[in-house]
Amino acid sequence: MSDLFGSTRTVVKLRYALFTPDGFVPSNLPGWKNAACVVNISPALGARFTQMHVTLGKEGTGEGNTGRYQHFFYVIEGAGTVGLEDKRHRLEPGSYVYLPPGKDMQIKNSSAEMRILVLQKPYEAQKTTPAPGTIVSHARDVKGQPFLGNEDARLQVLLPDQPAFDMAVNIFTYQPGATLPFVEAHIMEHGLLMLAGQGIYRLESDWHPVQAGDVIWMAPYCPQWFVAMGKTPASYIYYKDVNRDPM
């Protein structure tokens, strides 16, 4: 039944946005077949990157060349393969793929349904540092480290912290009651997907209940803070821009 009063937790403001699955609207995008592509974050919102939620149906595919963009894929649900340079790699929940600019790829679903987080960002090249190479890995192979000494808030750094990379993608997992240690306000922009659990996110001076499936965009210098609530751990995967001159 539709909500006659038009209520939603979705909110879009100048410096941040919260998108909830009840308002996701799929698009048909070039390169994706038998796929529902939800563009959650894009330059049209004011962001400097794109974040999509792609659902591949039976035998659904996504293929093409990354062009001037770098791509990051994270498998939320389902299974499939990714073809890179005549080699196919199996994908399952927790698998992730990083592709630098100028790479051909094909992702193919082999399950009833495959859901993928997709991040795209123009690569900012440096004269003295070669562009990074392709990465195919799994989140279980990245050990979570206590964040600022807090054993109940652990951070998994999925991409190498090296000058060649101008983007970072991390997974933050909180035990119930754990929080960010302080309200952050920094130059990095964020795109975030709640993977599990629930909590309260402070964005600017507003507090929002969030849960698995929600998407958040945070502009540079947007004050932000999180507390995990409920009886199970909360986790989210998030993007940020790094390692480049701000000027």
Protein backbone atom coordinates (compact mmCIF):
# COMPACT_ATOMS: atom_id res chain seq x y z
CA MET A 1 0.00 0.00 0.00
CA SER A 2 1.29 3.45 -0.85
CA ASP A 3 1.77 6.02 1.89
CA LEU A 4 -1.07 8.49 1.50
CA PHE A 5 0.83 11.12 3.48
CA GLY A 6 3.99 11.01 1.36
CA SER A 7 6.28 10.29 4.29
CA THR A 8 9.91 9.23 3.74
CA ARG A 9 13.24 9.39 5.55
CA THR A 10 14.84 10.66 2.32
CA VAL A 11 16.13 14.21 2.60
CA VAL A 12 18.22 16.30 0.20
CA LYS A 13 20.01 19.40 1.41
CA LEU A 14 22.77 21.62 0.09
CA ARG A 15 25.60 19.89 2.00
CA TYR A 16 24.27 16.36 2.44
CA ALA A 17 21.62 13.91 1.32
CA LEU A 18 20.06 10.75 2.73
CA PHE A 19 18.40 8.37 0.26
CA THR A 20 16.27 5.43 1.42
CA PRO A 21 15.34 2.41 -0.74
CA ASP A 22 11.64 3.29 -0.76
CA GLY A 23 12.48 6.18 -3.09
CA PHE A 24 15.00 4.49 -5.40
CA VAL A 25 14.09 4.95 -9.07
CA PRO A 26 15.93 2.70 -11.59
CA SER A 27 17.34 3.85 -14.91
CA ASN A 28 18.50 2.11 -18.07
CA LEU A 29 22.15 3.00 -18.64
CA PRO A 30 24.51 2.25 -21.54
CA GLY A 31 26.57 -0.89 -21.05
CA TRP A 32 24.17 -2.54 -18.60
CA LYS A 33 21.78 -5.27 -19.82
CA ASN A 34 18.94 -6.83 -17.84
CA ALA A 35 19.89 -4.44 -15.08
CA ALA A 36 18.18 -1.86 -12.86
CA CYS A 37 20.60 1.00 -12.24
CA VAL A 38 19.83 3.45 -9.45
CA VAL A 39 22.06 6.53 -9.60
CA ASN A 40 22.10 7.59 -5.95
CA ILE A 41 24.87 10.21 -6.08
CA SER A 42 26.17 12.14 -9.10
CA PRO A 43 27.47 15.55 -10.19
CA ALA A 44 23.83 16.58 -10.67
CA LEU A 45 23.59 16.50 -6.86
CA GLY A 46 26.75 18.57 -6.46
CA ALA A 47 29.10 15.61 -5.96
CA ARG A 48 32.43 15.10 -7.72
CA PHE A 49 31.87 11.37 -8.19
CA THR A 50 29.05 8.94 -9.01
CA GLN A 51 27.62 6.19 -6.79
CA MET A 52 25.16 3.66 -8.18
CA HIS A 53 23.21 0.67 -6.89
CA VAL A 54 22.96 -1.87 -9.73
CA THR A 55 20.74 -4.96 -9.63
CA LEU A 56 21.51 -7.54 -12.32
CA GLY A 57 18.72 -9.93 -13.22
CA LYS A 58 19.20 -13.45 -14.57
CA GLU A 59 22.18 -13.42 -16.97
CA GLY A 60 22.41 -9.65 -16.55
CA THR A 61 25.68 -8.00 -17.58
CA GLY A 62 27.62 -4.77 -17.38
CA GLU A 63 30.43 -4.16 -19.85
CA GLY A 64 32.52 -1.46 -21.43
CA ASN A 65 35.69 0.56 -21.01
CA THR A 66 36.36 2.74 -17.98
CA GLY A 67 37.60 5.59 -20.20
CA ARG A 68 38.95 8.49 -18.15
CA TYR A 69 37.20 7.22 -15.03
CA GLN A 70 38.27 4.76 -12.36
CA HIS A 71 35.63 2.27 -11.22
CA PHE A 72 35.07 0.40 -7.97
CA PHE A 73 32.58 -2.49 -7.68
CA TYR A 74 31.46 -4.13 -4.43
CA VAL A 75 29.15 -7.15 -4.45
CA ILE A 76 26.33 -6.74 -1.92
CA GLU A 77 24.34 -9.85 -2.80
CA GLY A 78 24.42 -12.69 -5.32
CA ALA A 79 27.27 -14.17 -7.36
CA GLY A 80 28.83 -13.80 -10.78
CA THR A 81 32.08 -13.14 -12.58
CA VAL A 82 34.15 -10.24 -13.85
CA GLY A 83 36.13 -10.57 -17.07
CA LEU A 84 39.40 -8.62 -17.20
CA GLU A 85 42.08 -9.00 -19.88
CA ASP A 86 40.84 -12.43 -21.04
CA LYS A 87 40.63 -13.78 -17.47
CA ARG A 88 37.46 -14.26 -15.43
CA HIS A 89 37.30 -13.87 -11.66
CA ARG A 90 34.49 -15.23 -9.52
CA LEU A 91 32.50 -12.70 -7.49
CA GLU A 92 30.44 -13.29 -4.34
CA PRO A 93 29.11 -11.11 -1.51
CA GLY A 94 32.05 -9.09 -0.17
CA SER A 95 34.08 -9.31 -3.41
CA TYR A 96 35.37 -6.03 -4.79
CA VAL A 97 37.09 -4.86 -7.96
CA TYR A 98 39.07 -1.67 -8.61
CA LEU A 99 39.67 -0.65 -12.24
CA PRO A 100 41.92 2.26 -13.28
CA PRO A 101 41.12 4.37 -16.36
CA GLY A 102 41.23 2.79 -19.81
CA LYS A 103 40.31 -0.78 -18.80
CA ASP A 104 37.86 -3.12 -20.52
CA MET A 105 35.61 -5.17 -18.28
CA GLN A 106 32.51 -7.35 -18.21
CA ILE A 107 30.52 -8.24 -15.11
CA LYS A 108 28.07 -11.12 -15.49
CA ASN A 109 25.47 -12.38 -13.04
CA SER A 110 25.27 -16.13 -12.41
CA SER A 111 22.62 -16.08 -9.66
CA ALA A 112 18.94 -15.25 -9.46
CA GLU A 113 19.84 -11.63 -8.69
CA MET A 114 23.12 -9.80 -8.11
CA ARG A 115 23.34 -6.44 -6.38
CA ILE A 116 26.43 -4.29 -6.78
CA LEU A 117 27.67 -0.98 -5.43
CA VAL A 118 29.38 0.99 -8.21
CA LEU A 119 31.64 4.02 -7.68
CA GLN A 120 32.99 6.12 -10.56
CA LYS A 121 35.43 9.02 -10.31
CA PRO A 122 37.61 10.87 -12.84
CA TYR A 123 41.22 9.90 -12.14
CA GLU A 124 43.52 12.78 -11.18
CA ALA A 125 46.88 11.76 -12.66
CA GLN A 126 50.23 12.83 -11.22
CA LYS A 127 53.30 13.37 -13.39
CA THR A 128 55.65 11.51 -11.05
CA THR A 129 53.36 8.65 -9.98
CA PRO A 130 52.05 5.94 -12.34
CA ALA A 131 48.35 5.15 -12.20
CA PRO A 132 47.42 2.16 -10.01
CA GLY A 133 46.71 -1.28 -11.42
CA THR A 134 43.63 -3.49 -11.29
CA ILE A 135 42.61 -5.05 -7.96
CA VAL A 136 40.30 -8.03 -7.44
CA SER A 137 39.90 -9.03 -3.79
CA HIS A 138 37.46 -9.80 -0.96
CA ALA A 139 36.61 -7.87 2.19
CA ARG A 140 37.27 -10.96 4.36
CA ASP A 141 40.94 -10.74 3.35
CA VAL A 142 41.25 -7.24 4.86
CA LYS A 143 41.62 -7.28 8.62
CA GLY A 144 39.59 -4.70 10.51
CA GLN A 145 41.73 -2.40 12.66
CA PRO A 146 40.55 -0.61 15.82
CA PHE A 147 39.73 2.98 14.91
CA LEU A 148 41.78 5.34 17.09
CA GLY A 149 42.22 2.50 19.58
CA ASN A 150 38.51 1.61 19.86
CA GLU A 151 38.10 -2.17 19.63
CA ASP A 152 34.34 -1.75 19.09
CA ALA A 153 34.77 0.39 15.97
CA ARG A 154 36.87 -1.33 13.31
CA LEU A 155 37.99 -0.04 9.93
CA GLN A 156 38.81 -2.14 6.87
CA VAL A 157 40.86 -0.26 4.27
CA LEU A 158 40.04 -1.90 0.94
CA LEU A 159 42.35 0.08 -1.36
CA PRO A 160 46.08 0.62 -0.73
CA ASP A 161 46.95 3.85 1.07
CA GLN A 162 49.43 4.90 -1.61
CA PRO A 163 49.96 8.18 -3.54
CA ALA A 164 48.86 6.56 -6.81
CA PHE A 165 45.29 6.29 -5.47
CA ASP A 166 43.17 9.44 -5.36
CA MET A 167 40.21 7.62 -3.81
CA ALA A 168 39.76 5.42 -0.75
CA VAL A 169 37.02 2.88 -0.03
CA ASN A 170 36.66 1.57 3.52
CA ILE A 171 34.24 -0.54 5.55
CA PHE A 172 33.44 0.65 9.08
CA THR A 173 31.90 -1.85 11.52
CA TYR A 174 30.53 -0.79 14.91
CA GLN A 175 29.42 -2.94 17.82
CA PRO A 176 26.08 -1.84 19.33
CA GLY A 177 26.60 1.44 21.17
CA ALA A 178 29.94 2.25 19.50
CA THR A 179 30.38 5.68 17.94
CA LEU A 180 32.69 7.83 15.91
CA PRO A 181 34.93 9.36 18.59
CA PHE A 182 34.14 12.95 17.62
CA VAL A 183 32.13 15.01 15.15
CA GLU A 184 34.22 15.08 11.97
CA ALA A 185 34.39 18.03 9.56
CA HIS A 186 36.99 17.67 6.82
CA ILE A 187 37.88 18.35 3.21
CA MET A 188 37.07 14.80 2.05
CA GLU A 189 33.75 14.15 0.33
CA HIS A 190 31.87 10.95 1.18
CA GLY A 191 29.50 8.51 -0.48
CA LEU A 192 28.18 5.88 1.94
CA LEU A 193 26.04 2.74 1.78
CA MET A 194 24.72 1.12 4.96
CA LEU A 195 25.49 -2.61 4.68
CA ALA A 196 24.04 -3.93 7.95
CA GLY A 197 22.41 -2.88 11.19
CA GLN A 198 21.10 0.52 12.14
CA GLY A 199 22.00 3.67 14.00
CA ILE A 200 21.79 7.44 14.11
CA TYR A 201 23.78 9.61 11.73
CA ARG A 202 24.42 13.26 12.50
CA LEU A 203 24.70 15.33 9.32
CA GLU A 204 25.35 19.04 9.88
CA SER A 205 23.07 19.82 12.85
CA ASP A 206 20.46 17.17 11.97
CA TRP A 207 20.11 13.62 13.36
CA HIS A 208 18.77 10.85 11.12
CA PRO A 209 17.88 7.20 11.85
CA VAL A 210 19.61 5.00 9.26
CA GLN A 211 19.57 1.30 8.44
CA ALA A 212 20.87 -1.25 5.94
CA GLY A 213 20.24 -0.13 2.36
CA ASP A 214 20.36 3.61 3.04
CA VAL A 215 22.72 5.85 1.04
CA ILE A 216 24.32 9.07 2.32
CA TRP A 217 26.20 11.81 0.47
CA MET A 218 28.35 14.21 2.50
CA ALA A 219 29.91 17.28 0.90
CA PRO A 220 33.34 18.49 2.04
CA TYR A 221 33.28 19.97 5.55
CA CYS A 222 29.83 18.61 6.35
CA PRO A 223 29.87 17.87 10.12
CA GLN A 224 29.24 14.14 10.61
CA TRP A 225 28.95 11.60 13.43
CA PHE A 226 27.50 8.10 13.88
CA VAL A 227 26.32 5.83 16.68
CA ALA A 228 25.34 2.17 16.18
CA MET A 229 22.06 1.20 17.81
CA GLY A 230 20.09 -2.01 18.20
CA LYS A 231 21.26 -5.50 19.16
CA THR A 232 23.49 -6.29 16.16
CA PRO A 233 26.61 -4.63 14.71
CA ALA A 234 26.19 -1.84 12.17
CA SER A 235 28.45 -1.49 9.16
CA TYR A 236 28.78 0.77 6.15
CA ILE A 237 31.05 1.03 3.14
CA TYR A 238 32.14 4.51 2.14
CA TYR A 239 34.13 6.44 -0.44
CA LYS A 240 36.37 9.46 0.05
CA ASP A 241 38.80 11.43 -2.12
CA VAL A 242 42.45 11.41 -0.95
CA ASN A 243 46.08 12.15 -1.79
CA ARG A 244 45.68 15.17 -4.06
CA ASP A 245 46.45 18.86 -3.75
CA PRO A 246 43.24 20.67 -2.70
CA MET A 247 43.98 23.68 -4.86
